[in-house]
Amino acid sequence: MLIASGLWGFLRPGDRIPAYRLSISARLPGFPGLAAYWRPALEAAVPASGLVLDLRSGGYAAAFTPREANLLAVRGFTPDGKVVSHFVKALRGDVARIALEAKPVPRTPHAVASLVAAAGYDVELDGGNLDVVVG
């Protein structure tokens, strides 16, 4: 599991870092945009193949997209089809927990969708997206 950070690049859950607040869209003096700055490191860190459960927000997702990996992004919607933006982090955290606790770990988008549905969510696979209805 890798966690995208505007300041530190990709981190693992056990990495210890100080508290900070810096968006991937921030501009720092003497640096290109952070997305461009981190792109080479992201290319080296992200698996080239296999399933990548992508829980990044739009700015972080724009920084780098693995070319060969089976990328599955998680999006949230209300029952009437409106995009969930503010609480989508909590939803993505639930999906990550469900996938990480599964034995065996899911290796396909369909396996992830089945696990999330079994946890009580209304889900639909839409191309490279797992759309989850909440509320």
Protein backbone atom coordinates (compact mmCIF):
# COMPACT_ATOMS: atom_id res chain seq x y z
CA MET A 1 0.00 0.00 0.00
CA LEU A 2 1.34 3.41 -1.01
CA ILE A 3 -0.04 6.77 0.11
CA ALA A 4 0.46 9.82 -2.14
CA SER A 5 1.88 12.91 -0.42
CA GLY A 6 2.57 16.29 -2.01
CA LEU A 7 5.58 16.80 0.28
CA TRP A 8 7.04 13.32 0.62
CA GLY A 9 6.02 11.50 -2.60
CA PHE A 10 4.70 8.00 -1.87
CA LEU A 11 4.66 6.76 1.70
CA ARG A 12 3.85 3.42 3.32
CA PRO A 13 1.33 3.26 6.19
CA GLY A 14 4.07 2.81 8.83
CA ASP A 15 6.26 5.70 7.67
CA ARG A 16 6.68 8.32 10.37
CA ILE A 17 6.50 11.92 9.15
CA PRO A 18 5.84 15.24 10.86
CA ALA A 19 2.41 16.87 10.61
CA TYR A 20 2.17 19.12 7.56
CA ARG A 21 -0.26 20.52 5.03
CA LEU A 22 0.86 20.81 1.40
CA SER A 23 -1.30 20.09 -1.61
CA ILE A 24 0.04 18.51 -4.79
CA SER A 25 -1.12 21.69 -6.57
CA ALA A 26 1.08 23.95 -4.40
CA ARG A 27 3.84 25.98 -6.06
CA LEU A 28 7.17 26.18 -4.24
CA PRO A 29 9.93 28.64 -5.17
CA GLY A 30 12.61 27.00 -7.30
CA PHE A 31 10.57 23.86 -8.06
CA PRO A 32 8.42 22.88 -10.98
CA GLY A 33 4.86 21.93 -10.03
CA LEU A 34 4.87 19.17 -7.45
CA ALA A 35 3.15 16.74 -9.82
CA ALA A 36 5.99 17.17 -12.34
CA TYR A 37 8.59 17.02 -9.57
CA TRP A 38 7.29 13.72 -8.17
CA ARG A 39 6.46 12.03 -11.50
CA PRO A 40 9.83 10.18 -11.92
CA ALA A 41 9.70 8.88 -8.33
CA LEU A 42 6.08 7.83 -8.76
CA GLU A 43 6.94 5.94 -11.95
CA ALA A 44 9.62 4.04 -10.01
CA ALA A 45 7.38 3.31 -6.99
CA VAL A 46 4.10 2.23 -8.56
CA PRO A 47 3.88 -1.38 -9.74
CA ALA A 48 4.08 -1.67 -13.51
CA SER A 49 1.44 -4.39 -13.59
CA GLY A 50 -1.25 -5.97 -11.47
CA LEU A 51 -4.18 -4.30 -9.76
CA VAL A 52 -3.68 -0.77 -8.41
CA LEU A 53 -6.55 0.42 -6.23
CA ASP A 54 -6.31 4.15 -6.89
CA LEU A 55 -7.76 6.21 -4.05
CA ARG A 56 -6.12 9.52 -5.01
CA SER A 57 -7.98 12.76 -5.56
CA GLY A 58 -7.93 14.36 -9.00
CA GLY A 59 -4.76 16.44 -8.53
CA TYR A 60 -2.76 13.48 -7.30
CA ALA A 61 -4.14 11.17 -9.97
CA ALA A 62 -3.10 13.68 -12.65
CA ALA A 63 0.50 13.50 -11.41
CA PHE A 64 1.01 9.97 -12.67
CA THR A 65 -0.96 7.10 -14.18
CA PRO A 66 0.69 3.67 -14.41
CA ARG A 67 0.66 2.55 -18.04
CA GLU A 68 0.52 -1.22 -17.62
CA ALA A 69 -1.24 -1.63 -14.28
CA ASN A 70 -4.92 -2.46 -13.98
CA LEU A 71 -5.97 0.84 -12.37
CA LEU A 72 -9.22 0.92 -10.38
CA ALA A 73 -10.28 4.36 -9.13
CA VAL A 74 -12.96 4.70 -6.45
CA ARG A 75 -15.68 7.31 -6.90
CA GLY A 76 -18.61 8.11 -4.65
CA PHE A 77 -22.15 9.08 -5.65
CA THR A 78 -25.39 9.87 -3.88
CA PRO A 79 -28.47 7.77 -4.73
CA ASP A 80 -29.62 10.53 -7.12
CA GLY A 81 -26.30 10.47 -9.01
CA LYS A 82 -24.53 13.51 -7.52
CA VAL A 83 -20.78 13.22 -6.99
CA VAL A 84 -19.70 12.84 -3.37
CA SER A 85 -16.71 15.08 -2.86
CA HIS A 86 -16.33 16.01 0.81
CA PHE A 87 -16.85 12.58 2.37
CA VAL A 88 -15.22 10.59 -0.43
CA LYS A 89 -12.02 10.23 1.65
CA ALA A 90 -13.94 8.23 4.25
CA LEU A 91 -15.50 6.10 1.53
CA ARG A 92 -12.11 5.44 -0.06
CA GLY A 93 -10.75 4.52 3.36
CA ASP A 94 -13.56 1.98 3.78
CA VAL A 95 -12.82 0.47 0.37
CA ALA A 96 -9.09 0.27 1.20
CA ARG A 97 -9.82 -1.42 4.53
CA ILE A 98 -12.17 -3.93 2.88
CA ALA A 99 -9.58 -4.79 0.22
CA LEU A 100 -6.63 -4.99 2.63
CA GLU A 101 -8.45 -7.18 5.15
CA ALA A 102 -9.64 -9.64 2.50
CA LYS A 103 -8.05 -13.07 2.37
CA PRO A 104 -6.89 -13.53 -0.28
CA VAL A 105 -6.19 -9.95 -1.32
CA PRO A 106 -8.30 -9.12 -4.40
CA ARG A 107 -6.38 -9.13 -7.68
CA THR A 108 -9.08 -7.92 -10.09
CA PRO A 109 -11.57 -5.04 -10.23
CA HIS A 110 -14.43 -7.57 -10.10
CA ALA A 111 -13.02 -9.10 -6.92
CA VAL A 112 -12.82 -5.66 -5.27
CA ALA A 113 -16.36 -4.81 -6.39
CA SER A 114 -17.67 -8.11 -5.00
CA LEU A 115 -16.02 -7.51 -1.62
CA VAL A 116 -17.32 -3.94 -1.38
CA ALA A 117 -20.82 -5.09 -2.35
CA ALA A 118 -20.66 -7.87 0.24
CA ALA A 119 -19.82 -5.19 2.84
CA GLY A 120 -23.19 -3.58 2.10
CA TYR A 121 -22.38 -0.96 -0.50
CA ASP A 122 -24.21 -0.48 -3.80
CA VAL A 123 -21.42 -0.69 -6.40
CA GLU A 124 -20.96 -0.63 -10.15
CA LEU A 125 -17.84 -1.14 -12.27
CA ASP A 126 -17.60 1.55 -14.93
CA GLY A 127 -14.46 0.99 -16.98
CA GLY A 128 -11.56 1.71 -14.66
CA ASN A 129 -13.83 3.07 -11.92
CA LEU A 130 -15.53 1.50 -8.97
CA ASP A 131 -18.61 3.67 -8.44
CA VAL A 132 -20.01 3.41 -4.93
CA VAL A 133 -23.40 4.79 -3.97
CA VAL A 134 -23.57 6.15 -0.41
CA GLY A 135 -26.27 7.80 1.66
